[in-house]
C-alpha atoms as a PDB file:
ATOM      1  CA  LEU A   1      28.476 124.687 132.355  1.00  0.00           C
ATOM      2  CA  THR A   2      31.474 125.879 134.225  1.00  0.00           C
ATOM      3  CA  ALA A   3      35.045 124.052 133.390  1.00  0.00           C
ATOM      4  CA  MET A   4      36.053 122.093 136.514  1.00  0.00           C
ATOM      5  CA  GLU A   5      39.396 120.732 137.427  1.00  0.00           C
ATOM      6  CA  VAL A   6      39.313 117.243 136.974  1.00  0.00           C
ATOM      7  CA  ASN A   7      41.977 114.430 138.275  1.00  0.00           C
ATOM      8  CA  ILE A   8      43.073 112.078 135.427  1.00  0.00           C
ATOM      9  CA  PRO A   9      45.779 109.628 136.692  1.00  0.00           C
ATOM     10  CA  PHE A  10      48.330 108.919 134.149  1.00  0.00           C
ATOM     11  CA  LEU A  11      50.784 105.817 134.201  1.00  0.00           C
ATOM     12  CA  GLN A  12      54.443 107.535 134.681  1.00  0.00           C
ATOM     13  CA  LYS A  13      55.471 106.504 131.382  1.00  0.00           C
ATOM     14  CA  PHE A  14      53.078 108.796 129.410  1.00  0.00           C
ATOM     15  CA  HIS A  15      54.085 112.059 131.354  1.00  0.00           C
ATOM     16  CA  GLU A  16      56.616 112.617 129.060  1.00  0.00           C
ATOM     17  CA  PRO A  17      54.616 112.009 125.855  1.00  0.00           C
ATOM     18  CA  ILE A  18      51.744 114.313 127.366  1.00  0.00           C
ATOM     19  CA  LYS A  19      53.916 117.178 127.780  1.00  0.00           C
ATOM     20  CA  ASP A  20      55.275 117.059 124.514  1.00  0.00           C
ATOM     21  CA  GLY A  21      52.029 116.604 122.646  1.00  0.00           C
ATOM     22  CA  ARG A  22      52.654 112.929 121.265  1.00  0.00           C
ATOM     23  CA  LYS A  23      49.689 111.751 123.693  1.00  0.00           C
ATOM     24  CA  THR A  24      46.589 113.551 123.042  1.00  0.00           C
ATOM     25  CA  MET A  25      43.955 111.231 124.117  1.00  0.00           C
ATOM     26  CA  THR A  26      43.074 108.881 126.814  1.00  0.00           C
ATOM     27  CA  CYS A  27      40.262 106.090 126.774  1.00  0.00           C
ATOM     28  CA  ARG A  28      38.881 105.061 130.295  1.00  0.00           C
ATOM     29  CA  VAL A  29      36.014 102.613 131.127  1.00  0.00           C
ATOM     30  CA  LYS A  30      34.426 105.621 133.214  1.00  0.00           C
ATOM     31  CA  LYS A  31      33.980 109.239 131.775  1.00  0.00           C
ATOM     32  CA  MET A  32      36.415 111.243 133.739  1.00  0.00           C
ATOM     33  CA  ALA A  33      35.733 114.767 132.474  1.00  0.00           C
ATOM     34  CA  ASN A  34      33.421 116.840 130.112  1.00  0.00           C
ATOM     35  CA  PRO A  35      34.213 118.717 126.940  1.00  0.00           C
ATOM     36  CA  GLY A  36      35.699 122.162 128.742  1.00  0.00           C
ATOM     37  CA  ASP A  37      37.347 120.449 131.785  1.00  0.00           C
ATOM     38  CA  TYR A  38      40.798 120.580 132.521  1.00  0.00           C
ATOM     39  CA  PHE A  39      43.482 118.585 134.379  1.00  0.00           C
ATOM     40  CA  LYS A  40      46.958 119.429 135.315  1.00  0.00           C
ATOM     41  CA  LEU A  41      50.054 117.350 134.907  1.00  0.00           C
ATOM     42  CA  ASN A  42      53.338 118.541 136.521  1.00  0.00           C
ATOM     43  CA  GLY A  43      52.053 121.886 136.880  1.00  0.00           C
ATOM     44  CA  ILE A  44      50.814 122.163 133.129  1.00  0.00           C
ATOM     45  CA  ASP A  45      47.131 122.690 132.608  1.00  0.00           C
ATOM     46  CA  PHE A  46      45.472 120.351 129.599  1.00  0.00           C
ATOM     47  CA  ASN A  47      41.745 121.202 128.572  1.00  0.00           C
ATOM     48  CA  VAL A  48      39.542 118.299 127.691  1.00  0.00           C
ATOM     49  CA  VAL A  49      38.517 119.097 123.777  1.00  0.00           C
ATOM     50  CA  SER A  50      36.103 116.457 123.537  1.00  0.00           C
ATOM     51  CA  VAL A  51      34.494 112.935 125.145  1.00  0.00           C
ATOM     52  CA  GLU A  52      32.999 109.938 122.938  1.00  0.00           C
ATOM     53  CA  LYS A  53      32.189 106.690 123.514  1.00  0.00           C
ATOM     54  CA  ILE A  54      33.544 104.062 120.981  1.00  0.00           C
ATOM     55  CA  PRO A  55      34.833 100.437 120.931  1.00  0.00           C
ATOM     56  CA  LEU A  56      38.146  99.679 122.483  1.00  0.00           C
ATOM     57  CA  GLY A  57      39.334  97.820 119.231  1.00  0.00           C
ATOM     58  CA  PHE A  58      38.786 101.090 117.338  1.00  0.00           C
ATOM     59  CA  VAL A  59      40.958 102.835 119.725  1.00  0.00           C
ATOM     60  CA  ALA A  60      43.690  99.869 119.217  1.00  0.00           C
ATOM     61  CA  ASP A  61      43.254 100.006 115.282  1.00  0.00           C
ATOM     62  CA  PHE A  62      43.439 103.668 114.750  1.00  0.00           C
ATOM     63  CA  TYR A  63      44.450 106.125 117.996  1.00  0.00           C
ATOM     64  CA  TRP A  64      47.141 104.034 119.349  1.00  0.00           C
ATOM     65  CA  SER A  65      49.679 106.601 118.496  1.00  0.00           C
ATOM     66  CA  HIS A  66      47.420 109.500 119.795  1.00  0.00           C
ATOM     67  CA  GLU A  67      47.535 107.524 123.070  1.00  0.00           C
ATOM     68  CA  GLY A  68      51.166 107.849 123.053  1.00  0.00           C
ATOM     69  CA  CYS A  69      51.890 104.238 122.386  1.00  0.00           C
ATOM     70  CA  LYS A  70      54.581 102.734 120.091  1.00  0.00           C
ATOM     71  CA  SER A  71      52.402 100.395 118.173  1.00  0.00           C
ATOM     72  CA  ARG A  72      48.810  98.820 118.382  1.00  0.00           C
ATOM     73  CA  ASP A  73      50.236  95.856 120.389  1.00  0.00           C
ATOM     74  CA  ASP A  74      52.079  98.128 122.586  1.00  0.00           C
ATOM     75  CA  PHE A  75      48.769  99.972 123.283  1.00  0.00           C
ATOM     76  CA  ILE A  76      46.823  96.638 123.955  1.00  0.00           C
ATOM     77  CA  ASP A  77      49.979  95.303 126.387  1.00  0.00           C
ATOM     78  CA  THR A  78      49.473  98.762 128.218  1.00  0.00           C
ATOM     79  CA  TRP A  79      45.671  98.134 128.542  1.00  0.00           C
ATOM     80  CA  LYS A  80      46.117  94.781 129.734  1.00  0.00           C
ATOM     81  CA  GLN A  81      48.686  96.082 132.328  1.00  0.00           C
ATOM     82  CA  ILE A  82      46.247  98.454 133.677  1.00  0.00           C
ATOM     83  CA  HIS A  83      43.177  96.075 133.317  1.00  0.00           C
ATOM     84  CA  PRO A  84      44.825  92.716 134.460  1.00  0.00           C
ATOM     85  CA  ILE A  85      41.248  91.052 135.277  1.00  0.00           C
ATOM     86  CA  LYS A  86      39.080  92.215 132.687  1.00  0.00           C
ATOM     87  CA  GLY A  87      41.934  92.517 129.909  1.00  0.00           C
ATOM     88  CA  PHE A  88      41.667  93.621 126.478  1.00  0.00           C
ATOM     89  CA  LYS A  89      38.006  93.271 124.768  1.00  0.00           C
ATOM     90  CA  GLU A  90      38.043  94.896 121.350  1.00  0.00           C
ATOM     91  CA  GLU A  91      33.977  95.076 121.541  1.00  0.00           C
ATOM     92  CA  GLU A  92      34.030  96.822 124.824  1.00  0.00           C
ATOM     93  CA  TYR A  93      32.892 100.599 124.923  1.00  0.00           C
ATOM     94  CA  VAL A  94      35.286 103.212 126.558  1.00  0.00           C
ATOM     95  CA  TYR A  95      35.241 106.852 126.960  1.00  0.00           C
ATOM     96  CA  LEU A  96      37.554 108.557 124.714  1.00  0.00           C
ATOM     97  CA  HIS A  97      38.938 111.520 126.137  1.00  0.00           C
ATOM     98  CA  LYS A  98      40.965 114.073 123.702  1.00  0.00           C
ATOM     99  CA  PHE A  99      43.153 116.904 125.244  1.00  0.00           C
ATOM    100  CA  ARG A 100      45.413 119.469 124.620  1.00  0.00           C
ATOM    101  CA  LYS A 101      47.873 121.672 126.446  1.00  0.00           C
ATOM    102  CA  ALA A 102      45.845 124.867 127.634  1.00  0.00           C
END
């Protein structure tokens, strides 16, 4: 499989944490990339290292800091902001994309 450039949109508040390496994961309701794919943010390439399907509650409990958030509650509040209709459901399965600067 050849690496593809993918488009993964991020909230403005996450641009700095991504660039300085504090945010190294993003969970999405849809699979946005495959391992080996890459995306650009402000001219910088980031490689997608892995993609796994896990419960959203697990992300909130264990990966909130890797998601670039200040706390579990900050992660949940951010999720609700992005998904106002569905909201935050611990049992919902999401695609966790791990990435790093190329």
